[in-house]
Amino acid sequence: MKNKSYIGISFIILLFGIWAVPKIVKKFQKSDLVEIGPVPNFELTNQDQKKISNKDYLGKVYVVEFFFSTCPTICPKMNQSMLQLQDKFYGNPNFGLASITINPEIDTPETLKEHAKNLGVKHYNWHFLTGDKTYIYDLANKGFNLYAGENNKVAGGFEHSGLFALIDKKGKIRCRKDKQNNPILYYDGLDPEGVNAIKEDISKLLEE
């Protein structure tokens, strides 16, 4: 009788092992997303007047956008896309968002705090960041290679990319490949397909 019970328990343990091991391996397996390079170092001030750097995001998968609060064109759409990401991964402590203003003269921490409130920001890892203008423009144009510039001939007085950067837990910029097998580098924050793609790839990186 004892032998039969022992065999039964052993069989159950074996079945559990067969089921669990692939899941554990999958969780720590590197995804098929391309590694572009390290995220540029940065340190800026958030909406709560706290210094936030790229080091604060280590151990988290996060998304970076460049925007400004008074933007009359693409920023509202970008912010809505970021809200979708917030809602999708809300409550996950390993996920974060970073919205960096390109108009720091207007976008003080107080202004960004009000902007975040009006948007309906709930995720404690979503930082709205401001700082020195030259520093931010170097970060955008030279660090991330995402265009940002002043132009008094366009609505709002500024131009910038509508793309999102995706960073993994180790601080590496990551992306998927296109149909021609080329890295896309960044995700289109203005296009539903781009937003769906980054949602899928955030999930992949959270599993790494």
N, C-alpha and C. Protein backbone atom coordinates (compact mmCIF):
# COMPACT_ATOMS: atom_id res chain seq x y z
N MET A 1 0.83 -1.20 0.00
CA MET A 1 0.00 0.00 0.00
C MET A 1 0.87 1.26 0.00
N LYS A 2 1.94 1.19 0.86
CA LYS A 2 2.85 2.32 0.93
C LYS A 2 3.52 2.57 -0.41
N ASN A 3 3.90 1.47 -1.07
CA ASN A 3 4.57 1.59 -2.36
C ASN A 3 3.68 2.25 -3.40
N LYS A 4 2.39 1.89 -3.39
CA LYS A 4 1.45 2.48 -4.35
C LYS A 4 1.29 3.98 -4.10
N SER A 5 1.19 4.37 -2.82
CA SER A 5 1.06 5.79 -2.48
C SER A 5 2.30 6.55 -2.92
N TYR A 6 3.46 5.94 -2.68
CA TYR A 6 4.73 6.56 -3.04
C TYR A 6 4.82 6.76 -4.54
N ILE A 7 4.41 5.73 -5.29
CA ILE A 7 4.43 5.81 -6.77
C ILE A 7 3.48 6.89 -7.25
N GLY A 8 2.29 6.97 -6.60
CA GLY A 8 1.30 7.98 -7.00
C GLY A 8 1.81 9.39 -6.78
N ILE A 9 2.43 9.60 -5.60
CA ILE A 9 2.97 10.93 -5.29
C ILE A 9 4.12 11.27 -6.24
N SER A 10 4.95 10.30 -6.53
CA SER A 10 6.08 10.52 -7.45
C SER A 10 5.59 10.90 -8.83
N PHE A 11 4.50 10.25 -9.26
CA PHE A 11 3.94 10.53 -10.58
C PHE A 11 3.41 11.96 -10.65
N ILE A 12 2.74 12.38 -9.57
CA ILE A 12 2.21 13.74 -9.52
C ILE A 12 3.35 14.76 -9.57
N ILE A 13 4.42 14.50 -8.81
CA ILE A 13 5.58 15.40 -8.81
C ILE A 13 6.21 15.47 -10.19
N LEU A 14 6.30 14.31 -10.85
CA LEU A 14 6.87 14.26 -12.20
C LEU A 14 6.03 15.08 -13.17
N LEU A 15 4.70 14.93 -13.09
CA LEU A 15 3.81 15.69 -13.97
C LEU A 15 3.97 17.18 -13.72
N PHE A 16 4.05 17.57 -12.44
CA PHE A 16 4.21 18.98 -12.12
C PHE A 16 5.52 19.52 -12.70
N GLY A 17 6.58 18.71 -12.61
CA GLY A 17 7.87 19.11 -13.13
C GLY A 17 7.83 19.31 -14.63
N ILE A 18 7.18 18.40 -15.33
CA ILE A 18 7.05 18.49 -16.79
C ILE A 18 6.29 19.76 -17.17
N TRP A 19 5.27 20.12 -16.37
CA TRP A 19 4.46 21.31 -16.66
C TRP A 19 5.19 22.60 -16.29
N ALA A 20 5.89 22.57 -15.15
CA ALA A 20 6.45 23.80 -14.60
C ALA A 20 7.77 24.22 -15.23
N VAL A 21 8.64 23.27 -15.53
CA VAL A 21 9.98 23.60 -16.01
C VAL A 21 9.96 24.45 -17.28
N PRO A 22 9.17 24.09 -18.31
CA PRO A 22 9.16 24.94 -19.51
C PRO A 22 8.71 26.37 -19.20
N LYS A 23 7.77 26.52 -18.24
CA LYS A 23 7.29 27.85 -17.90
C LYS A 23 8.37 28.65 -17.21
N ILE A 24 9.13 28.00 -16.31
CA ILE A 24 10.22 28.68 -15.63
C ILE A 24 11.30 29.07 -16.63
N VAL A 25 11.65 28.16 -17.53
CA VAL A 25 12.66 28.44 -18.55
C VAL A 25 12.21 29.59 -19.44
N LYS A 26 10.92 29.55 -19.84
CA LYS A 26 10.38 30.59 -20.72
C LYS A 26 10.46 31.96 -20.05
N LYS A 27 10.18 31.99 -18.75
CA LYS A 27 10.15 33.25 -18.02
C LYS A 27 11.50 33.95 -18.06
N PHE A 28 12.58 33.17 -17.99
CA PHE A 28 13.91 33.77 -17.94
C PHE A 28 14.65 33.70 -19.27
N GLN A 29 13.94 33.29 -20.31
CA GLN A 29 14.55 33.20 -21.64
C GLN A 29 14.52 34.57 -22.30
N LYS A 30 15.59 34.92 -23.00
CA LYS A 30 15.64 36.21 -23.70
C LYS A 30 14.71 36.16 -24.89
N SER A 31 13.93 37.23 -25.08
CA SER A 31 12.97 37.28 -26.18
C SER A 31 13.69 37.53 -27.50
N ASP A 32 12.91 37.58 -28.57
CA ASP A 32 13.48 37.79 -29.91
C ASP A 32 13.66 39.28 -30.24
N LEU A 33 13.46 40.16 -29.27
CA LEU A 33 13.59 41.59 -29.53
C LEU A 33 15.06 41.99 -29.67
N VAL A 34 15.32 42.89 -30.60
CA VAL A 34 16.69 43.33 -30.89
C VAL A 34 17.17 44.30 -29.82
N GLU A 35 18.44 44.19 -29.46
CA GLU A 35 19.07 45.12 -28.53
C GLU A 35 19.76 46.22 -29.34
N ILE A 36 19.29 47.46 -29.18
CA ILE A 36 19.83 48.58 -29.95
C ILE A 36 21.08 49.16 -29.29
N GLY A 37 21.06 49.24 -27.98
CA GLY A 37 22.18 49.81 -27.24
C GLY A 37 21.69 50.32 -25.89
N PRO A 38 22.60 50.82 -25.06
CA PRO A 38 22.20 51.30 -23.73
C PRO A 38 21.40 52.60 -23.81
N VAL A 39 20.45 52.73 -22.90
CA VAL A 39 19.72 53.99 -22.81
C VAL A 39 20.70 55.08 -22.38
N PRO A 40 20.62 56.29 -22.94
CA PRO A 40 21.54 57.35 -22.50
C PRO A 40 21.30 57.70 -21.04
N ASN A 41 22.37 58.02 -20.33
CA ASN A 41 22.23 58.45 -18.95
C ASN A 41 21.45 59.76 -18.88
N PHE A 42 20.57 59.86 -17.90
CA PHE A 42 19.85 61.11 -17.70
C PHE A 42 19.48 61.27 -16.23
N GLU A 43 19.33 62.51 -15.83
CA GLU A 43 18.79 62.84 -14.51
C GLU A 43 17.98 64.12 -14.65
N LEU A 44 16.71 64.03 -14.35
CA LEU A 44 15.78 65.15 -14.50
C LEU A 44 14.88 65.22 -13.27
N THR A 45 14.03 66.24 -13.22
CA THR A 45 13.14 66.45 -12.07
C THR A 45 11.72 66.09 -12.45
N ASN A 46 11.05 65.31 -11.62
CA ASN A 46 9.69 64.89 -11.96
C ASN A 46 8.63 65.84 -11.40
N GLN A 47 7.37 65.48 -11.60
CA GLN A 47 6.25 66.34 -11.21
C GLN A 47 6.13 66.52 -9.70
N ASP A 48 6.82 65.69 -8.94
CA ASP A 48 6.83 65.83 -7.48
C ASP A 48 8.12 66.47 -6.98
N GLN A 49 8.86 67.08 -7.92
CA GLN A 49 10.12 67.76 -7.63
C GLN A 49 11.18 66.81 -7.07
N LYS A 50 11.12 65.58 -7.52
CA LYS A 50 12.10 64.57 -7.12
C LYS A 50 13.03 64.29 -8.30
N LYS A 51 14.33 64.16 -8.02
CA LYS A 51 15.29 63.82 -9.06
C LYS A 51 15.10 62.36 -9.49
N ILE A 52 14.95 62.16 -10.79
CA ILE A 52 14.77 60.82 -11.36
C ILE A 52 15.83 60.61 -12.43
N SER A 53 16.53 59.48 -12.37
CA SER A 53 17.53 59.17 -13.38
C SER A 53 17.22 57.82 -14.02
N ASN A 54 17.98 57.49 -15.07
CA ASN A 54 17.81 56.19 -15.71
C ASN A 54 18.08 55.06 -14.72
N LYS A 55 18.88 55.32 -13.70
CA LYS A 55 19.19 54.29 -12.70
C LYS A 55 17.95 53.93 -11.87
N ASP A 56 17.04 54.90 -11.71
CA ASP A 56 15.80 54.63 -10.96
C ASP A 56 14.91 53.63 -11.71
N TYR A 57 15.13 53.49 -13.01
CA TYR A 57 14.31 52.59 -13.83
C TYR A 57 14.94 51.20 -13.98
N LEU A 58 16.15 51.01 -13.46
CA LEU A 58 16.78 49.68 -13.58
C LEU A 58 15.91 48.63 -12.88
N GLY A 59 15.75 47.50 -13.54
CA GLY A 59 14.86 46.45 -13.02
C GLY A 59 13.44 46.60 -13.51
N LYS A 60 13.18 47.67 -14.28
CA LYS A 60 11.85 47.89 -14.83
C LYS A 60 11.90 47.96 -16.36
N VAL A 61 10.84 47.54 -17.00
CA VAL A 61 10.63 47.78 -18.43
C VAL A 61 9.91 49.11 -18.52
N TYR A 62 10.41 50.04 -19.35
CA TYR A 62 9.74 51.34 -19.41
C TYR A 62 9.77 51.94 -20.81
N VAL A 63 8.90 52.93 -20.99
CA VAL A 63 8.72 53.60 -22.28
C VAL A 63 9.00 55.08 -22.11
N VAL A 64 9.72 55.65 -23.06
CA VAL A 64 10.09 57.07 -23.03
C VAL A 64 9.44 57.80 -24.20
N GLU A 65 8.86 58.97 -23.92
CA GLU A 65 8.37 59.87 -24.96
C GLU A 65 8.89 61.27 -24.69
N PHE A 66 9.00 62.08 -25.75
CA PHE A 66 9.30 63.50 -25.63
C PHE A 66 8.06 64.26 -26.07
N PHE A 67 7.63 65.24 -25.27
CA PHE A 67 6.37 65.93 -25.50
C PHE A 67 6.45 67.32 -24.85
N PHE A 68 5.36 68.09 -24.90
CA PHE A 68 5.21 69.27 -24.05
C PHE A 68 3.73 69.50 -23.78
N SER A 69 3.43 70.04 -22.62
CA SER A 69 2.05 70.05 -22.13
C SER A 69 1.11 70.94 -22.93
N THR A 70 1.64 71.98 -23.59
CA THR A 70 0.78 72.89 -24.36
C THR A 70 0.72 72.54 -25.84
N CYS A 71 1.24 71.39 -26.20
CA CYS A 71 1.27 70.96 -27.61
C CYS A 71 -0.16 70.83 -28.16
N PRO A 72 -0.44 71.50 -29.29
CA PRO A 72 -1.79 71.44 -29.86
C PRO A 72 -1.94 70.38 -30.96
N THR A 73 -0.88 69.64 -31.23
CA THR A 73 -0.92 68.72 -32.38
C THR A 73 -0.81 67.25 -31.94
N ILE A 74 0.40 66.69 -31.92
CA ILE A 74 0.52 65.24 -31.73
C ILE A 74 0.60 64.79 -30.27
N CYS A 75 0.98 65.70 -29.36
CA CYS A 75 1.18 65.29 -27.96
C CYS A 75 -0.07 64.70 -27.30
N PRO A 76 -1.26 65.30 -27.48
CA PRO A 76 -2.44 64.70 -26.87
C PRO A 76 -2.65 63.24 -27.30
N LYS A 77 -2.39 62.95 -28.57
CA LYS A 77 -2.51 61.57 -29.06
C LYS A 77 -1.44 60.68 -28.43
N MET A 78 -0.23 61.19 -28.31
CA MET A 78 0.84 60.43 -27.69
C MET A 78 0.52 60.13 -26.22
N ASN A 79 0.04 61.15 -25.52
CA ASN A 79 -0.32 60.95 -24.11
C ASN A 79 -1.43 59.92 -23.96
N GLN A 80 -2.40 59.92 -24.89
CA GLN A 80 -3.48 58.93 -24.84
C GLN A 80 -2.93 57.52 -25.07
N SER A 81 -1.94 57.41 -25.95
CA SER A 81 -1.30 56.11 -26.17
C SER A 81 -0.56 55.65 -24.92
N MET A 82 0.10 56.59 -24.24
CA MET A 82 0.79 56.27 -22.99
C MET A 82 -0.21 55.85 -21.92
N LEU A 83 -1.38 56.49 -21.91
CA LEU A 83 -2.43 56.09 -20.97
C LEU A 83 -2.88 54.65 -21.21
N GLN A 84 -2.92 54.27 -22.49
CA GLN A 84 -3.26 52.87 -22.81
C GLN A 84 -2.23 51.91 -22.20
N LEU A 85 -0.95 52.30 -22.27
CA LEU A 85 0.10 51.47 -21.69
C LEU A 85 -0.03 51.42 -20.18
N GLN A 86 -0.35 52.56 -19.58
CA GLN A 86 -0.57 52.60 -18.14
C GLN A 86 -1.68 51.63 -17.74
N ASP A 87 -2.81 51.71 -18.46
CA ASP A 87 -3.97 50.87 -18.12
C ASP A 87 -3.68 49.39 -18.34
N LYS A 88 -2.90 49.10 -19.39
CA LYS A 88 -2.59 47.70 -19.71
C LYS A 88 -1.72 47.07 -18.62
N PHE A 89 -0.77 47.84 -18.08
CA PHE A 89 0.20 47.28 -17.14
C PHE A 89 0.07 47.90 -15.74
N TYR A 90 -1.09 48.47 -15.48
CA TYR A 90 -1.30 49.13 -14.19
C TYR A 90 -1.14 48.13 -13.03
N GLY A 91 -0.43 48.55 -12.01
CA GLY A 91 -0.22 47.69 -10.85
C GLY A 91 1.02 46.83 -10.94
N ASN A 92 1.67 46.80 -12.11
CA ASN A 92 2.89 46.00 -12.25
C ASN A 92 4.08 46.85 -11.80
N PRO A 93 4.74 46.47 -10.70
CA PRO A 93 5.85 47.28 -10.18
C PRO A 93 7.08 47.27 -11.07
N ASN A 94 7.11 46.35 -12.04
CA ASN A 94 8.26 46.24 -12.94
C ASN A 94 8.06 46.98 -14.25
N PHE A 95 7.04 47.85 -14.29
CA PHE A 95 6.76 48.63 -15.49
C PHE A 95 6.77 50.11 -15.14
N GLY A 96 7.24 50.94 -16.09
CA GLY A 96 7.25 52.38 -15.87
C GLY A 96 7.12 53.18 -17.15
N LEU A 97 6.90 54.47 -17.01
CA LEU A 97 6.76 55.40 -18.14
C LEU A 97 7.54 56.67 -17.82
N ALA A 98 8.07 57.30 -18.87
CA ALA A 98 8.79 58.56 -18.71
C ALA A 98 8.37 59.51 -19.82
N SER A 99 7.76 60.63 -19.43
CA SER A 99 7.36 61.67 -20.38
C SER A 99 8.25 62.88 -20.15
N ILE A 100 9.12 63.18 -21.11
CA ILE A 100 10.12 64.24 -20.95
C ILE A 100 9.70 65.46 -21.76
N THR A 101 9.54 66.59 -21.10
CA THR A 101 9.11 67.80 -21.79
C THR A 101 10.24 68.41 -22.61
N ILE A 102 9.89 68.99 -23.74
CA ILE A 102 10.87 69.73 -24.55
C ILE A 102 10.64 71.24 -24.42
N ASN A 103 9.73 71.61 -23.51
CA ASN A 103 9.47 73.02 -23.23
C ASN A 103 9.56 73.26 -21.72
N PRO A 104 10.75 73.07 -21.15
CA PRO A 104 10.88 73.15 -19.70
C PRO A 104 10.64 74.54 -19.11
N GLU A 105 10.74 75.57 -19.94
CA GLU A 105 10.48 76.92 -19.43
C GLU A 105 9.03 77.08 -18.99
N ILE A 106 8.12 76.40 -19.66
CA ILE A 106 6.70 76.41 -19.29
C ILE A 106 6.37 75.21 -18.40
N ASP A 107 6.94 74.06 -18.76
CA ASP A 107 6.61 72.82 -18.05
C ASP A 107 7.47 72.65 -16.80
N THR A 108 7.12 73.42 -15.77
CA THR A 108 7.74 73.28 -14.45
C THR A 108 7.17 72.02 -13.78
N PRO A 109 7.76 71.56 -12.68
CA PRO A 109 7.17 70.43 -11.97
C PRO A 109 5.70 70.66 -11.60
N GLU A 110 5.37 71.87 -11.20
CA GLU A 110 3.99 72.18 -10.83
C GLU A 110 3.06 72.04 -12.03
N THR A 111 3.50 72.56 -13.18
CA THR A 111 2.70 72.47 -14.40
C THR A 111 2.53 71.01 -14.81
N LEU A 112 3.59 70.24 -14.73
CA LEU A 112 3.53 68.83 -15.12
C LEU A 112 2.66 68.02 -14.16
N LYS A 113 2.66 68.40 -12.89
CA LYS A 113 1.82 67.71 -11.91
C LYS A 113 0.34 67.92 -12.24
N GLU A 114 0.00 69.14 -12.61
CA GLU A 114 -1.38 69.44 -13.00
C GLU A 114 -1.74 68.74 -14.30
N HIS A 115 -0.79 68.70 -15.23
CA HIS A 115 -1.00 68.02 -16.51
C HIS A 115 -1.26 66.53 -16.28
N ALA A 116 -0.46 65.91 -15.42
CA ALA A 116 -0.63 64.49 -15.11
C ALA A 116 -1.99 64.23 -14.47
N LYS A 117 -2.38 65.12 -13.58
CA LYS A 117 -3.69 64.99 -12.92
C LYS A 117 -4.82 65.06 -13.93
N ASN A 118 -4.73 66.03 -14.85
CA ASN A 118 -5.77 66.20 -15.87
C ASN A 118 -5.84 65.01 -16.83
N LEU A 119 -4.69 64.38 -17.07
CA LEU A 119 -4.66 63.21 -17.95
C LEU A 119 -5.29 61.98 -17.29
N GLY A 120 -5.22 61.93 -15.97
CA GLY A 120 -5.71 60.75 -15.27
C GLY A 120 -4.59 59.76 -14.99
N VAL A 121 -3.39 60.28 -14.73
CA VAL A 121 -2.25 59.43 -14.44
C VAL A 121 -2.41 58.79 -13.06
N LYS A 122 -2.27 57.48 -13.00
CA LYS A 122 -2.41 56.74 -11.74
C LYS A 122 -1.15 55.95 -11.40
N HIS A 123 -0.38 55.58 -12.39
CA HIS A 123 0.77 54.70 -12.17
C HIS A 123 1.89 55.47 -11.46
N TYR A 124 2.33 54.97 -10.30
CA TYR A 124 3.37 55.66 -9.53
C TYR A 124 4.72 55.64 -10.22
N ASN A 125 4.90 54.79 -11.22
CA ASN A 125 6.16 54.75 -11.97
C ASN A 125 6.09 55.57 -13.27
N TRP A 126 5.08 56.44 -13.38
CA TRP A 126 5.00 57.32 -14.55
C TRP A 126 5.50 58.69 -14.12
N HIS A 127 6.69 59.06 -14.59
CA HIS A 127 7.31 60.33 -14.23
C HIS A 127 7.25 61.31 -15.39
N PHE A 128 6.78 62.53 -15.11
CA PHE A 128 6.81 63.62 -16.07
C PHE A 128 8.03 64.46 -15.72
N LEU A 129 8.99 64.53 -16.66
CA LEU A 129 10.32 65.03 -16.34
C LEU A 129 10.66 66.35 -17.02
N THR A 130 11.32 67.21 -16.27
CA THR A 130 11.73 68.51 -16.78
C THR A 130 13.14 68.82 -16.28
N GLY A 131 13.75 69.85 -16.88
CA GLY A 131 15.12 70.22 -16.50
C GLY A 131 15.64 71.30 -17.41
N ASP A 132 16.95 71.36 -17.57
CA ASP A 132 17.58 72.35 -18.43
C ASP A 132 17.27 72.04 -19.91
N LYS A 133 16.91 73.08 -20.65
CA LYS A 133 16.49 72.89 -22.05
C LYS A 133 17.60 72.29 -22.91
N THR A 134 18.82 72.83 -22.83
CA THR A 134 19.92 72.32 -23.64
C THR A 134 20.19 70.86 -23.32
N TYR A 135 20.15 70.54 -22.03
CA TYR A 135 20.36 69.16 -21.57
C TYR A 135 19.31 68.24 -22.18
N ILE A 136 18.06 68.65 -22.15
CA ILE A 136 16.96 67.83 -22.68
C ILE A 136 17.08 67.65 -24.19
N TYR A 137 17.44 68.73 -24.90
CA TYR A 137 17.56 68.64 -26.36
C TYR A 137 18.73 67.73 -26.76
N ASP A 138 19.81 67.79 -26.00
CA ASP A 138 20.93 66.87 -26.25
C ASP A 138 20.51 65.43 -25.98
N LEU A 139 19.73 65.24 -24.92
CA LEU A 139 19.25 63.91 -24.58
C LEU A 139 18.37 63.34 -25.69
N ALA A 140 17.49 64.18 -26.22
CA ALA A 140 16.58 63.73 -27.29
C ALA A 140 17.34 63.49 -28.59
N ASN A 141 18.07 64.51 -29.05
CA ASN A 141 18.67 64.46 -30.38
C ASN A 141 19.95 63.64 -30.47
N LYS A 142 20.77 63.68 -29.44
CA LYS A 142 22.05 62.97 -29.46
C LYS A 142 21.99 61.66 -28.67
N GLY A 143 21.22 61.66 -27.59
CA GLY A 143 21.14 60.47 -26.76
C GLY A 143 20.23 59.40 -27.34
N PHE A 144 18.96 59.78 -27.57
CA PHE A 144 17.98 58.83 -28.11
C PHE A 144 17.88 58.87 -29.64
N ASN A 145 18.43 59.93 -30.26
CA ASN A 145 18.24 60.13 -31.70
C ASN A 145 16.76 60.26 -32.06
N LEU A 146 16.03 60.94 -31.18
CA LEU A 146 14.62 61.27 -31.43
C LEU A 146 14.53 62.79 -31.55
N TYR A 147 14.10 63.27 -32.70
CA TYR A 147 14.18 64.71 -32.99
C TYR A 147 13.31 65.55 -32.06
N ALA A 148 13.89 66.66 -31.59
CA ALA A 148 13.16 67.69 -30.86
C ALA A 148 13.80 69.04 -31.19
N GLY A 149 12.98 70.04 -31.49
CA GLY A 149 13.51 71.35 -31.83
C GLY A 149 12.46 72.44 -31.74
N GLU A 150 12.92 73.67 -31.66
CA GLU A 150 12.01 74.82 -31.64
C GLU A 150 11.77 75.29 -33.07
N ASN A 151 10.54 75.71 -33.35
CA ASN A 151 10.19 76.22 -34.66
C ASN A 151 8.96 77.11 -34.50
N ASN A 152 9.17 78.43 -34.55
CA ASN A 152 8.05 79.35 -34.33
C ASN A 152 7.07 79.42 -35.50
N LYS A 153 7.37 78.66 -36.57
CA LYS A 153 6.47 78.64 -37.72
C LYS A 153 5.42 77.52 -37.64
N VAL A 154 5.56 76.65 -36.63
CA VAL A 154 4.61 75.55 -36.49
C VAL A 154 3.73 75.78 -35.27
N ALA A 155 2.58 75.14 -35.25
CA ALA A 155 1.65 75.27 -34.13
C ALA A 155 2.32 74.80 -32.84
N GLY A 156 2.25 75.66 -31.84
CA GLY A 156 2.85 75.31 -30.55
C GLY A 156 4.28 75.74 -30.39
N GLY A 157 4.98 76.01 -31.52
CA GLY A 157 6.34 76.53 -31.46
C GLY A 157 7.44 75.49 -31.32
N PHE A 158 7.07 74.20 -31.31
CA PHE A 158 8.07 73.14 -31.17
C PHE A 158 7.75 71.99 -32.12
N GLU A 159 8.81 71.30 -32.53
CA GLU A 159 8.67 70.08 -33.33
C GLU A 159 9.33 68.93 -32.60
N HIS A 160 8.75 67.74 -32.73
CA HIS A 160 9.37 66.58 -32.08
C HIS A 160 8.82 65.29 -32.68
N SER A 161 9.50 64.21 -32.38
CA SER A 161 9.10 62.90 -32.87
C SER A 161 7.89 62.39 -32.10
N GLY A 162 7.08 61.59 -32.81
CA GLY A 162 5.94 60.93 -32.16
C GLY A 162 6.26 59.48 -31.81
N LEU A 163 7.56 59.16 -31.74
CA LEU A 163 7.98 57.79 -31.49
C LEU A 163 8.23 57.53 -30.01
N PHE A 164 8.04 56.28 -29.62
CA PHE A 164 8.30 55.82 -28.25
C PHE A 164 9.54 54.94 -28.23
N ALA A 165 10.37 55.12 -27.20
CA ALA A 165 11.53 54.24 -26.98
C ALA A 165 11.16 53.20 -25.91
N LEU A 166 11.53 51.96 -26.16
CA LEU A 166 11.25 50.86 -25.24
C LEU A 166 12.57 50.38 -24.61
N ILE A 167 12.62 50.38 -23.28
CA ILE A 167 13.85 50.03 -22.57
C ILE A 167 13.59 48.82 -21.67
N ASP A 168 14.54 47.89 -21.65
CA ASP A 168 14.36 46.67 -20.85
C ASP A 168 14.86 46.86 -19.42
N LYS A 169 14.78 45.80 -18.62
CA LYS A 169 15.12 45.87 -17.20
C LYS A 169 16.60 46.18 -16.96
N LYS A 170 17.43 45.90 -17.94
CA LYS A 170 18.87 46.14 -17.79
C LYS A 170 19.31 47.49 -18.36
N GLY A 171 18.33 48.30 -18.80
CA GLY A 171 18.66 49.61 -19.33
C GLY A 171 19.10 49.60 -20.78
N LYS A 172 18.63 48.62 -21.54
CA LYS A 172 18.95 48.53 -22.97
C LYS A 172 17.72 48.90 -23.81
N ILE A 173 17.93 49.70 -24.84
CA ILE A 173 16.85 50.02 -25.77
C ILE A 173 16.61 48.79 -26.64
N ARG A 174 15.36 48.39 -26.73
CA ARG A 174 15.00 47.17 -27.47
C ARG A 174 13.89 47.46 -28.49
N CYS A 175 13.80 46.61 -29.50
CA CYS A 175 12.73 46.75 -30.49
C CYS A 175 12.53 45.44 -31.24
N ARG A 176 11.45 45.37 -31.98
CA ARG A 176 11.18 44.23 -32.86
C ARG A 176 11.74 44.51 -34.25
N LYS A 177 11.62 43.54 -35.14
CA LYS A 177 12.02 43.71 -36.53
C LYS A 177 10.79 43.91 -37.41
N ASP A 178 10.99 44.59 -38.55
CA ASP A 178 9.89 44.77 -39.49
C ASP A 178 9.80 43.57 -40.43
N LYS A 179 8.93 43.66 -41.41
CA LYS A 179 8.72 42.54 -42.34
C LYS A 179 9.94 42.23 -43.18
N GLN A 180 10.83 43.22 -43.33
CA GLN A 180 12.08 43.01 -44.08
C GLN A 180 13.22 42.56 -43.17
N ASN A 181 12.88 42.27 -41.91
CA ASN A 181 13.84 41.76 -40.92
C ASN A 181 14.82 42.83 -40.45
N ASN A 182 14.40 44.10 -40.55
CA ASN A 182 15.22 45.20 -40.06
C ASN A 182 14.67 45.72 -38.74
N PRO A 183 15.53 46.09 -37.78
CA PRO A 183 15.03 46.64 -36.51
C PRO A 183 14.25 47.93 -36.75
N ILE A 184 13.10 48.07 -36.10
CA ILE A 184 12.29 49.28 -36.28
C ILE A 184 12.83 50.44 -35.44
N LEU A 185 13.69 50.15 -34.48
CA LEU A 185 14.33 51.09 -33.55
C LEU A 185 13.34 51.64 -32.52
N TYR A 186 12.27 52.32 -33.00
CA TYR A 186 11.29 52.91 -32.09
C TYR A 186 9.88 52.58 -32.56
N TYR A 187 8.91 52.84 -31.66
CA TYR A 187 7.52 52.49 -31.92
C TYR A 187 6.69 53.74 -32.16
N ASP A 188 5.78 53.67 -33.12
CA ASP A 188 4.96 54.82 -33.48
C ASP A 188 3.85 55.02 -32.44
N GLY A 189 3.98 56.08 -31.65
CA GLY A 189 3.00 56.36 -30.61
C GLY A 189 1.74 57.01 -31.12
N LEU A 190 1.68 57.27 -32.42
CA LEU A 190 0.50 57.90 -33.03
C LEU A 190 -0.36 56.90 -33.79
N ASP A 191 0.14 55.70 -33.94
CA ASP A 191 -0.53 54.69 -34.76
C ASP A 191 -0.99 53.52 -33.88
N PRO A 192 -2.26 53.12 -33.99
CA PRO A 192 -2.75 52.00 -33.18
C PRO A 192 -1.92 50.73 -33.33
N GLU A 193 -1.41 50.47 -34.55
CA GLU A 193 -0.57 49.28 -34.75
C GLU A 193 0.73 49.39 -33.96
N GLY A 194 1.29 50.60 -33.94
CA GLY A 194 2.52 50.82 -33.18
C GLY A 194 2.29 50.64 -31.69
N VAL A 195 1.15 51.10 -31.21
CA VAL A 195 0.82 50.98 -29.79
C VAL A 195 0.57 49.51 -29.43
N ASN A 196 -0.13 48.80 -30.29
CA ASN A 196 -0.35 47.36 -30.04
C ASN A 196 0.97 46.60 -30.05
N ALA A 197 1.87 46.98 -30.96
CA ALA A 197 3.18 46.32 -31.05
C ALA A 197 3.99 46.53 -29.77
N ILE A 198 3.98 47.75 -29.25
CA ILE A 198 4.78 48.01 -28.05
C ILE A 198 4.15 47.32 -26.83
N LYS A 199 2.83 47.19 -26.80
CA LYS A 199 2.18 46.44 -25.72
C LYS A 199 2.66 44.99 -25.72
N GLU A 200 2.67 44.38 -26.91
CA GLU A 200 3.13 42.98 -27.03
C GLU A 200 4.58 42.86 -26.58
N ASP A 201 5.40 43.82 -26.97
CA ASP A 201 6.83 43.70 -26.68
C ASP A 201 7.16 44.06 -25.23
N ILE A 202 6.36 44.91 -24.62
CA ILE A 202 6.51 45.14 -23.18
C ILE A 202 6.26 43.85 -22.42
N SER A 203 5.21 43.13 -22.82
CA SER A 203 4.90 41.84 -22.18
C SER A 203 6.06 40.87 -22.31
N LYS A 204 6.68 40.84 -23.49
CA LYS A 204 7.83 39.95 -23.70
C LYS A 204 8.98 40.31 -22.75
N LEU A 205 9.27 41.61 -22.64
CA LEU A 205 10.39 42.04 -21.82
C LEU A 205 10.11 41.82 -20.33
N LEU A 206 8.87 41.94 -19.92
CA LEU A 206 8.51 41.69 -18.53
C LEU A 206 8.74 40.22 -18.15
N GLU A 207 8.70 39.35 -19.16
CA GLU A 207 8.90 37.91 -18.91
C GLU A 207 10.38 37.53 -18.87
N GLU A 208 11.25 38.43 -19.33
CA GLU A 208 12.68 38.12 -19.33
C GLU A 208 13.27 38.15 -17.92
